[in-house]
Amino acid sequence: MTSEQAEIISLQCLGWLVANDDLLPVFLGSSGASEEDLKNYAAEPEFLGSVLDFLMMDDAWVVSFCDSAGIRYDIPAQARMALPGGSHMHWT
């Protein structure tokens, strides 16, 4: 997955999150972001990575987002890996 494709997936996820009245406050509270930050940082790959990090904290959220976006359940993880800070840590 390219970084451009990952950003598109992340923006779709951000849109899904903003439309979710129950989950948006949880994201804002856990990330420390404000609604204004959502507008100001939506084009920043690092911020978009944090959106996917949040999404992937709960399998039900992943399933809900992917079902609404019509994508496979592994796509958010692939997108996260293509954004800054998303590469897997190798301990060997």
PDB file of N, CA and C in Angstrom:
ATOM      1  N   MET A   1       0.850  -1.170   0.000  1.00  0.00           N
ATOM      2  CA  MET A   1       0.000   0.000   0.000  1.00  0.00           C
ATOM      3  C   MET A   1       0.900   1.239   0.000  1.00  0.00           C
ATOM      4  N   THR A   2       0.557   2.197  -0.835  1.00  0.00           N
ATOM      5  CA  THR A   2       1.326   3.435  -0.896  1.00  0.00           C
ATOM      6  C   THR A   2       0.901   4.371   0.239  1.00  0.00           C
ATOM      7  N   SER A   3       1.738   5.344   0.511  1.00  0.00           N
ATOM      8  CA  SER A   3       1.377   6.307   1.554  1.00  0.00           C
ATOM      9  C   SER A   3       0.143   7.109   1.146  1.00  0.00           C
ATOM     10  N   GLU A   4       0.002   7.373  -0.142  1.00  0.00           N
ATOM     11  CA  GLU A   4      -1.181   8.098  -0.619  1.00  0.00           C
ATOM     12  C   GLU A   4      -2.455   7.283  -0.389  1.00  0.00           C
ATOM     13  N   GLN A   5      -2.410   5.995  -0.692  1.00  0.00           N
ATOM     14  CA  GLN A   5      -3.565   5.124  -0.453  1.00  0.00           C
ATOM     15  C   GLN A   5      -3.875   5.051   1.042  1.00  0.00           C
ATOM     16  N   ALA A   6      -2.824   4.982   1.860  1.00  0.00           N
ATOM     17  CA  ALA A   6      -2.997   4.919   3.308  1.00  0.00           C
ATOM     18  C   ALA A   6      -3.656   6.194   3.833  1.00  0.00           C
ATOM     19  N   GLU A   7      -3.259   7.335   3.292  1.00  0.00           N
ATOM     20  CA  GLU A   7      -3.866   8.591   3.715  1.00  0.00           C
ATOM     21  C   GLU A   7      -5.345   8.644   3.336  1.00  0.00           C
ATOM     22  N   ILE A   8      -5.680   8.118   2.175  1.00  0.00           N
ATOM     23  CA  ILE A   8      -7.084   8.087   1.752  1.00  0.00           C
ATOM     24  C   ILE A   8      -7.907   7.219   2.702  1.00  0.00           C
ATOM     25  N   ILE A   9      -7.400   6.042   3.038  1.00  0.00           N
ATOM     26  CA  ILE A   9      -8.094   5.150   3.977  1.00  0.00           C
ATOM     27  C   ILE A   9      -8.243   5.847   5.324  1.00  0.00           C
ATOM     28  N   SER A  10      -7.180   6.505   5.772  1.00  0.00           N
ATOM     29  CA  SER A  10      -7.206   7.191   7.062  1.00  0.00           C
ATOM     30  C   SER A  10      -8.216   8.331   7.075  1.00  0.00           C
ATOM     31  N   LEU A  11      -8.297   9.068   5.978  1.00  0.00           N
ATOM     32  CA  LEU A  11      -9.281  10.148   5.883  1.00  0.00           C
ATOM     33  C   LEU A  11     -10.707   9.596   5.889  1.00  0.00           C
ATOM     34  N   GLN A  12     -10.906   8.459   5.233  1.00  0.00           N
ATOM     35  CA  GLN A  12     -12.218   7.814   5.280  1.00  0.00           C
ATOM     36  C   GLN A  12     -12.551   7.419   6.713  1.00  0.00           C
ATOM     37  N   CYS A  13     -11.550   6.913   7.414  1.00  0.00           N
ATOM     38  CA  CYS A  13     -11.749   6.522   8.803  1.00  0.00           C
ATOM     39  C   CYS A  13     -12.062   7.748   9.662  1.00  0.00           C
ATOM     40  N   LEU A  14     -11.357   8.830   9.434  1.00  0.00           N
ATOM     41  CA  LEU A  14     -11.622  10.059  10.177  1.00  0.00           C
ATOM     42  C   LEU A  14     -13.055  10.540   9.926  1.00  0.00           C
ATOM     43  N   GLY A  15     -13.494  10.491   8.685  1.00  0.00           N
ATOM     44  CA  GLY A  15     -14.868  10.870   8.363  1.00  0.00           C
ATOM     45  C   GLY A  15     -15.878   9.983   9.062  1.00  0.00           C
ATOM     46  N   TRP A  16     -15.598   8.685   9.091  1.00  0.00           N
ATOM     47  CA  TRP A  16     -16.474   7.738   9.779  1.00  0.00           C
ATOM     48  C   TRP A  16     -16.517   8.049  11.269  1.00  0.00           C
ATOM     49  N   LEU A  17     -15.355   8.359  11.819  1.00  0.00           N
ATOM     50  CA  LEU A  17     -15.256   8.663  13.239  1.00  0.00           C
ATOM     51  C   LEU A  17     -16.018   9.944  13.595  1.00  0.00           C
ATOM     52  N   VAL A  18     -15.873  10.969  12.781  1.00  0.00           N
ATOM     53  CA  VAL A  18     -16.560  12.241  13.025  1.00  0.00           C
ATOM     54  C   VAL A  18     -18.076  12.062  12.965  1.00  0.00           C
ATOM     55  N   ALA A  19     -18.533  11.171  12.110  1.00  0.00           N
ATOM     56  CA  ALA A  19     -19.972  10.931  11.978  1.00  0.00           C
ATOM     57  C   ALA A  19     -20.530  10.050  13.099  1.00  0.00           C
ATOM     58  N   ASN A  20     -19.661   9.473  13.906  1.00  0.00           N
ATOM     59  CA  ASN A  20     -20.080   8.575  14.973  1.00  0.00           C
ATOM     60  C   ASN A  20     -20.183   9.366  16.281  1.00  0.00           C
ATOM     61  N   ASP A  21     -21.397   9.743  16.652  1.00  0.00           N
ATOM     62  CA  ASP A  21     -21.623  10.589  17.826  1.00  0.00           C
ATOM     63  C   ASP A  21     -21.177   9.945  19.133  1.00  0.00           C
ATOM     64  N   ASP A  22     -21.186   8.615  19.195  1.00  0.00           N
ATOM     65  CA  ASP A  22     -20.775   7.936  20.420  1.00  0.00           C
ATOM     66  C   ASP A  22     -19.258   7.793  20.520  1.00  0.00           C
ATOM     67  N   LEU A  23     -18.615   7.549  19.399  1.00  0.00           N
ATOM     68  CA  LEU A  23     -17.184   7.250  19.408  1.00  0.00           C
ATOM     69  C   LEU A  23     -16.299   8.487  19.299  1.00  0.00           C
ATOM     70  N   LEU A  24     -16.768   9.534  18.645  1.00  0.00           N
ATOM     71  CA  LEU A  24     -15.947  10.734  18.485  1.00  0.00           C
ATOM     72  C   LEU A  24     -15.486  11.300  19.825  1.00  0.00           C
ATOM     73  N   PRO A  25     -16.360  11.439  20.821  1.00  0.00           N
ATOM     74  CA  PRO A  25     -15.877  11.964  22.102  1.00  0.00           C
ATOM     75  C   PRO A  25     -14.818  11.070  22.757  1.00  0.00           C
ATOM     76  N   VAL A  26     -14.912   9.772  22.531  1.00  0.00           N
ATOM     77  CA  VAL A  26     -13.919   8.842  23.073  1.00  0.00           C
ATOM     78  C   VAL A  26     -12.566   9.102  22.409  1.00  0.00           C
ATOM     79  N   PHE A  27     -12.579   9.271  21.093  1.00  0.00           N
ATOM     80  CA  PHE A  27     -11.342   9.573  20.377  1.00  0.00           C
ATOM     81  C   PHE A  27     -10.751  10.896  20.851  1.00  0.00           C
ATOM     82  N   LEU A  28     -11.587  11.923  20.943  1.00  0.00           N
ATOM     83  CA  LEU A  28     -11.090  13.230  21.372  1.00  0.00           C
ATOM     84  C   LEU A  28     -10.514  13.158  22.785  1.00  0.00           C
ATOM     85  N   GLY A  29     -11.180  12.455  23.655  1.00  0.00           N
ATOM     86  CA  GLY A  29     -10.703  12.327  25.028  1.00  0.00           C
ATOM     87  C   GLY A  29      -9.412  11.539  25.140  1.00  0.00           C
ATOM     88  N   SER A  30      -9.309  10.466  24.383  1.00  0.00           N
ATOM     89  CA  SER A  30      -8.113   9.632  24.490  1.00  0.00           C
ATOM     90  C   SER A  30      -6.916  10.216  23.751  1.00  0.00           C
ATOM     91  N   SER A  31      -7.174  10.987  22.718  1.00  0.00           N
ATOM     92  CA  SER A  31      -6.064  11.561  21.940  1.00  0.00           C
ATOM     93  C   SER A  31      -5.654  12.940  22.432  1.00  0.00           C
ATOM     94  N   GLY A  32      -6.555  13.598  23.149  1.00  0.00           N
ATOM     95  CA  GLY A  32      -6.280  14.962  23.565  1.00  0.00           C
ATOM     96  C   GLY A  32      -6.529  15.977  22.461  1.00  0.00           C
ATOM     97  N   ALA A  33      -7.047  15.514  21.332  1.00  0.00           N
ATOM     98  CA  ALA A  33      -7.332  16.406  20.203  1.00  0.00           C
ATOM     99  C   ALA A  33      -8.663  17.121  20.428  1.00  0.00           C
ATOM    100  N   SER A  34      -8.772  18.283  19.834  1.00  0.00           N
ATOM    101  CA  SER A  34     -10.031  19.023  19.859  1.00  0.00           C
ATOM    102  C   SER A  34     -10.698  18.884  18.492  1.00  0.00           C
ATOM    103  N   GLU A  35     -11.940  19.314  18.404  1.00  0.00           N
ATOM    104  CA  GLU A  35     -12.612  19.281  17.103  1.00  0.00           C
ATOM    105  C   GLU A  35     -11.895  20.183  16.110  1.00  0.00           C
ATOM    106  N   GLU A  36     -11.331  21.270  16.590  1.00  0.00           N
ATOM    107  CA  GLU A  36     -10.553  22.165  15.727  1.00  0.00           C
ATOM    108  C   GLU A  36      -9.292  21.459  15.207  1.00  0.00           C
ATOM    109  N   ASP A  37      -8.671  20.644  16.062  1.00  0.00           N
ATOM    110  CA  ASP A  37      -7.496  19.884  15.638  1.00  0.00           C
ATOM    111  C   ASP A  37      -7.824  18.937  14.494  1.00  0.00           C
ATOM    112  N   LEU A  38      -9.036  18.386  14.510  1.00  0.00           N
ATOM    113  CA  LEU A  38      -9.432  17.478  13.432  1.00  0.00           C
ATOM    114  C   LEU A  38      -9.344  18.187  12.089  1.00  0.00           C
ATOM    115  N   LYS A  39      -9.753  19.432  12.059  1.00  0.00           N
ATOM    116  CA  LYS A  39      -9.692  20.213  10.820  1.00  0.00           C
ATOM    117  C   LYS A  39      -8.261  20.599  10.483  1.00  0.00           C
ATOM    118  N   ASN A  40      -7.513  21.021  11.505  1.00  0.00           N
ATOM    119  CA  ASN A  40      -6.163  21.545  11.278  1.00  0.00           C
ATOM    120  C   ASN A  40      -5.145  20.473  10.908  1.00  0.00           C
ATOM    121  N   TYR A  41      -5.324  19.253  11.415  1.00  0.00           N
ATOM    122  CA  TYR A  41      -4.318  18.217  11.221  1.00  0.00           C
ATOM    123  C   TYR A  41      -4.760  17.069  10.319  1.00  0.00           C
ATOM    124  N   ALA A  42      -5.902  17.188   9.706  1.00  0.00           N
ATOM    125  CA  ALA A  42      -6.419  16.098   8.867  1.00  0.00           C
ATOM    126  C   ALA A  42      -5.499  15.759   7.697  1.00  0.00           C
ATOM    127  N   ALA A  43      -4.656  16.685   7.285  1.00  0.00           N
ATOM    128  CA  ALA A  43      -3.746  16.429   6.170  1.00  0.00           C
ATOM    129  C   ALA A  43      -2.375  15.943   6.631  1.00  0.00           C
ATOM    130  N   GLU A  44      -2.179  15.807   7.948  1.00  0.00           N
ATOM    131  CA  GLU A  44      -0.893  15.385   8.492  1.00  0.00           C
ATOM    132  C   GLU A  44      -0.848  13.858   8.628  1.00  0.00           C
ATOM    133  N   PRO A  45       0.101  13.205   7.946  1.00  0.00           N
ATOM    134  CA  PRO A  45       0.179  11.739   8.022  1.00  0.00           C
ATOM    135  C   PRO A  45       0.329  11.202   9.444  1.00  0.00           C
ATOM    136  N   GLU A  46       1.041  11.917  10.302  1.00  0.00           N
ATOM    137  CA  GLU A  46       1.205  11.460  11.681  1.00  0.00           C
ATOM    138  C   GLU A  46      -0.130  11.453  12.422  1.00  0.00           C
ATOM    139  N   PHE A  47      -0.930  12.475  12.213  1.00  0.00           N
ATOM    140  CA  PHE A  47      -2.246  12.533  12.836  1.00  0.00           C
ATOM    141  C   PHE A  47      -3.146  11.428  12.293  1.00  0.00           C
ATOM    142  N   LEU A  48      -3.092  11.220  10.994  1.00  0.00           N
ATOM    143  CA  LEU A  48      -3.906  10.168  10.389  1.00  0.00           C
ATOM    144  C   LEU A  48      -3.510   8.801  10.935  1.00  0.00           C
ATOM    145  N   GLY A  49      -2.233   8.624  11.212  1.00  0.00           N
ATOM    146  CA  GLY A  49      -1.784   7.383  11.841  1.00  0.00           C
ATOM    147  C   GLY A  49      -2.421   7.196  13.207  1.00  0.00           C
ATOM    148  N   SER A  50      -2.557   8.285  13.955  1.00  0.00           N
ATOM    149  CA  SER A  50      -3.172   8.179  15.283  1.00  0.00           C
ATOM    150  C   SER A  50      -4.652   7.819  15.176  1.00  0.00           C
ATOM    151  N   VAL A  51      -5.295   8.250  14.108  1.00  0.00           N
ATOM    152  CA  VAL A  51      -6.700   7.880  13.883  1.00  0.00           C
ATOM    153  C   VAL A  51      -6.804   6.369  13.693  1.00  0.00           C
ATOM    154  N   LEU A  52      -5.905   5.809  12.893  1.00  0.00           N
ATOM    155  CA  LEU A  52      -5.932   4.361  12.671  1.00  0.00           C
ATOM    156  C   LEU A  52      -5.513   3.605  13.924  1.00  0.00           C
ATOM    157  N   ASP A  53      -4.545   4.143  14.673  1.00  0.00           N
ATOM    158  CA  ASP A  53      -4.167   3.506  15.940  1.00  0.00           C
ATOM    159  C   ASP A  53      -5.388   3.389  16.849  1.00  0.00           C
ATOM    160  N   PHE A  54      -6.155   4.460  16.936  1.00  0.00           N
ATOM    161  CA  PHE A  54      -7.353   4.454  17.771  1.00  0.00           C
ATOM    162  C   PHE A  54      -8.357   3.426  17.260  1.00  0.00           C
ATOM    163  N   LEU A  55      -8.624   3.445  15.969  1.00  0.00           N
ATOM    164  CA  LEU A  55      -9.583   2.510  15.389  1.00  0.00           C
ATOM    165  C   LEU A  55      -9.225   1.069  15.726  1.00  0.00           C
ATOM    166  N   MET A  56      -7.950   0.750  15.625  1.00  0.00           N
ATOM    167  CA  MET A  56      -7.528  -0.636  15.789  1.00  0.00           C
ATOM    168  C   MET A  56      -7.454  -1.080  17.241  1.00  0.00           C
ATOM    169  N   MET A  57      -7.847  -0.219  18.161  1.00  0.00           N
ATOM    170  CA  MET A  57      -7.917  -0.613  19.569  1.00  0.00           C
ATOM    171  C   MET A  57      -9.083  -1.562  19.843  1.00  0.00           C
ATOM    172  N   ASP A  58     -10.050  -1.604  18.940  1.00  0.00           N
ATOM    173  CA  ASP A  58     -11.235  -2.428  19.175  1.00  0.00           C
ATOM    174  C   ASP A  58     -11.665  -3.080  17.862  1.00  0.00           C
ATOM    175  N   ASP A  59     -11.719  -4.397  17.856  1.00  0.00           N
ATOM    176  CA  ASP A  59     -12.091  -5.123  16.645  1.00  0.00           C
ATOM    177  C   ASP A  59     -13.471  -4.725  16.137  1.00  0.00           C
ATOM    178  N   ALA A  60     -14.394  -4.431  17.045  1.00  0.00           N
ATOM    179  CA  ALA A  60     -15.748  -4.044  16.628  1.00  0.00           C
ATOM    180  C   ALA A  60     -15.709  -2.734  15.850  1.00  0.00           C
ATOM    181  N   TRP A  61     -14.830  -1.817  16.243  1.00  0.00           N
ATOM    182  CA  TRP A  61     -14.694  -0.557  15.518  1.00  0.00           C
ATOM    183  C   TRP A  61     -14.134  -0.809  14.121  1.00  0.00           C
ATOM    184  N   VAL A  62     -13.143  -1.689  14.033  1.00  0.00           N
ATOM    185  CA  VAL A  62     -12.554  -2.022  12.730  1.00  0.00           C
ATOM    186  C   VAL A  62     -13.618  -2.603  11.816  1.00  0.00           C
ATOM    187  N   VAL A  63     -14.373  -3.550  12.332  1.00  0.00           N
ATOM    188  CA  VAL A  63     -15.418  -4.194  11.536  1.00  0.00           C
ATOM    189  C   VAL A  63     -16.457  -3.162  11.087  1.00  0.00           C
ATOM    190  N   SER A  64     -16.880  -2.318  11.986  1.00  0.00           N
ATOM    191  CA  SER A  64     -17.885  -1.311  11.651  1.00  0.00           C
ATOM    192  C   SER A  64     -17.373  -0.349  10.576  1.00  0.00           C
ATOM    193  N   PHE A  65     -16.152   0.148  10.756  1.00  0.00           N
ATOM    194  CA  PHE A  65     -15.591   1.053   9.752  1.00  0.00           C
ATOM    195  C   PHE A  65     -15.431   0.359   8.408  1.00  0.00           C
ATOM    196  N   CYS A  66     -14.832  -0.815   8.411  1.00  0.00           N
ATOM    197  CA  CYS A  66     -14.587  -1.520   7.151  1.00  0.00           C
ATOM    198  C   CYS A  66     -15.882  -1.868   6.435  1.00  0.00           C
ATOM    199  N   ASP A  67     -16.883  -2.287   7.184  1.00  0.00           N
ATOM    200  CA  ASP A  67     -18.179  -2.586   6.575  1.00  0.00           C
ATOM    201  C   ASP A  67     -18.778  -1.335   5.939  1.00  0.00           C
ATOM    202  N   SER A  68     -18.653  -0.201   6.631  1.00  0.00           N
ATOM    203  CA  SER A  68     -19.217   1.036   6.074  1.00  0.00           C
ATOM    204  C   SER A  68     -18.429   1.533   4.871  1.00  0.00           C
ATOM    205  N   ALA A  69     -17.119   1.261   4.854  1.00  0.00           N
ATOM    206  CA  ALA A  69     -16.270   1.699   3.739  1.00  0.00           C
ATOM    207  C   ALA A  69     -16.201   0.672   2.608  1.00  0.00           C
ATOM    208  N   GLY A  70     -16.699  -0.525   2.875  1.00  0.00           N
ATOM    209  CA  GLY A  70     -16.659  -1.572   1.856  1.00  0.00           C
ATOM    210  C   GLY A  70     -15.257  -2.084   1.579  1.00  0.00           C
ATOM    211  N   ILE A  71     -14.447  -2.173   2.638  1.00  0.00           N
ATOM    212  CA  ILE A  71     -13.064  -2.648   2.470  1.00  0.00           C
ATOM    213  C   ILE A  71     -12.829  -3.871   3.359  1.00  0.00           C
ATOM    214  N   ARG A  72     -11.766  -4.601   3.058  1.00  0.00           N
ATOM    215  CA  ARG A  72     -11.395  -5.774   3.851  1.00  0.00           C
ATOM    216  C   ARG A  72     -10.943  -5.339   5.248  1.00  0.00           C
ATOM    217  N   TYR A  73     -11.083  -6.234   6.205  1.00  0.00           N
ATOM    218  CA  TYR A  73     -10.770  -5.919   7.594  1.00  0.00           C
ATOM    219  C   TYR A  73      -9.274  -5.709   7.849  1.00  0.00           C
ATOM    220  N   ASP A  74      -8.430  -6.170   6.964  1.00  0.00           N
ATOM    221  CA  ASP A  74      -6.989  -6.001   7.155  1.00  0.00           C
ATOM    222  C   ASP A  74      -6.463  -4.687   6.566  1.00  0.00           C
ATOM    223  N   ILE A  75      -7.283  -3.968   5.863  1.00  0.00           N
ATOM    224  CA  ILE A  75      -6.842  -2.733   5.203  1.00  0.00           C
ATOM    225  C   ILE A  75      -6.404  -1.649   6.192  1.00  0.00           C
ATOM    226  N   PRO A  76      -7.119  -1.404   7.297  1.00  0.00           N
ATOM    227  CA  PRO A  76      -6.631  -0.379   8.221  1.00  0.00           C
ATOM    228  C   PRO A  76      -5.225  -0.662   8.747  1.00  0.00           C
ATOM    229  N   ALA A  77      -4.928  -1.908   9.047  1.00  0.00           N
ATOM    230  CA  ALA A  77      -3.579  -2.249   9.528  1.00  0.00           C
ATOM    231  C   ALA A  77      -2.548  -2.027   8.432  1.00  0.00           C
ATOM    232  N   GLN A  78      -2.883  -2.378   7.207  1.00  0.00           N
ATOM    233  CA  GLN A  78      -1.962  -2.132   6.096  1.00  0.00           C
ATOM    234  C   GLN A  78      -1.738  -0.636   5.905  1.00  0.00           C
ATOM    235  N   ALA A  79      -2.811   0.128   6.010  1.00  0.00           N
ATOM    236  CA  ALA A  79      -2.692   1.578   5.870  1.00  0.00           C
ATOM    237  C   ALA A  79      -1.830   2.145   6.995  1.00  0.00           C
ATOM    238  N   ARG A  80      -2.025   1.658   8.203  1.00  0.00           N
ATOM    239  CA  ARG A  80      -1.244   2.161   9.338  1.00  0.00           C
ATOM    240  C   ARG A  80       0.238   1.912   9.127  1.00  0.00           C
ATOM    241  N   MET A  81       0.589   0.765   8.590  1.00  0.00           N
ATOM    242  CA  MET A  81       1.993   0.429   8.351  1.00  0.00           C
ATOM    243  C   MET A  81       2.624   1.340   7.311  1.00  0.00           C
ATOM    244  N   ALA A  82       1.819   1.919   6.426  1.00  0.00           N
ATOM    245  CA  ALA A  82       2.341   2.773   5.364  1.00  0.00           C
ATOM    246  C   ALA A  82       2.481   4.235   5.792  1.00  0.00           C
ATOM    247  N   LEU A  83       2.012   4.555   6.998  1.00  0.00           N
ATOM    248  CA  LEU A  83       2.097   5.926   7.504  1.00  0.00           C
ATOM    249  C   LEU A  83       3.250   6.041   8.501  1.00  0.00           C
ATOM    250  N   PRO A  84       3.727   7.258   8.767  1.00  0.00           N
ATOM    251  CA  PRO A  84       4.836   7.439   9.702  1.00  0.00           C
ATOM    252  C   PRO A  84       4.555   6.799  11.061  1.00  0.00           C
ATOM    253  N   GLY A  85       5.543   6.061  11.576  1.00  0.00           N
ATOM    254  CA  GLY A  85       5.421   5.423  12.863  1.00  0.00           C
ATOM    255  C   GLY A  85       4.660   4.114  12.828  1.00  0.00           C
ATOM    256  N   GLY A  86       4.316   3.629  11.662  1.00  0.00           N
ATOM    257  CA  GLY A  86       3.483   2.434  11.567  1.00  0.00           C
ATOM    258  C   GLY A  86       4.211   1.148  11.294  1.00  0.00           C
ATOM    259  N   SER A  87       5.517   1.203  11.084  1.00  0.00           N
ATOM    260  CA  SER A  87       6.234  -0.040  10.777  1.00  0.00           C
ATOM    261  C   SER A  87       6.315  -0.902  12.025  1.00  0.00           C
ATOM    262  N   HIS A  88       6.311  -2.198  11.805  1.00  0.00           N
ATOM    263  CA  HIS A  88       6.391  -3.148  12.917  1.00  0.00           C
ATOM    264  C   HIS A  88       7.776  -3.116  13.524  1.00  0.00           C
ATOM    265  N   MET A  89       7.817  -3.265  14.838  1.00  0.00           N
ATOM    266  CA  MET A  89       9.074  -3.368  15.538  1.00  0.00           C
ATOM    267  C   MET A  89       9.591  -4.801  15.410  1.00  0.00           C
ATOM    268  N   HIS A  90      10.840  -4.930  15.015  1.00  0.00           N
ATOM    269  CA  HIS A  90      11.461  -6.253  14.912  1.00  0.00           C
ATOM    270  C   HIS A  90      12.439  -6.397  16.082  1.00  0.00           C
ATOM    271  N   TRP A  91      12.232  -7.393  16.921  1.00  0.00           N
ATOM    272  CA  TRP A  91      13.032  -7.555  18.127  1.00  0.00           C
ATOM    273  C   TRP A  91      14.205  -8.497  17.917  1.00  0.00           C
ATOM    274  N   THR A  92      14.345  -9.035  16.719  1.00  0.00           N
ATOM    275  CA  THR A  92      15.470  -9.948  16.490  1.00  0.00           C
ATOM    276  C   THR A  92      16.512  -9.319  15.618  1.00  0.00           C
TER     277      THR A  92
END
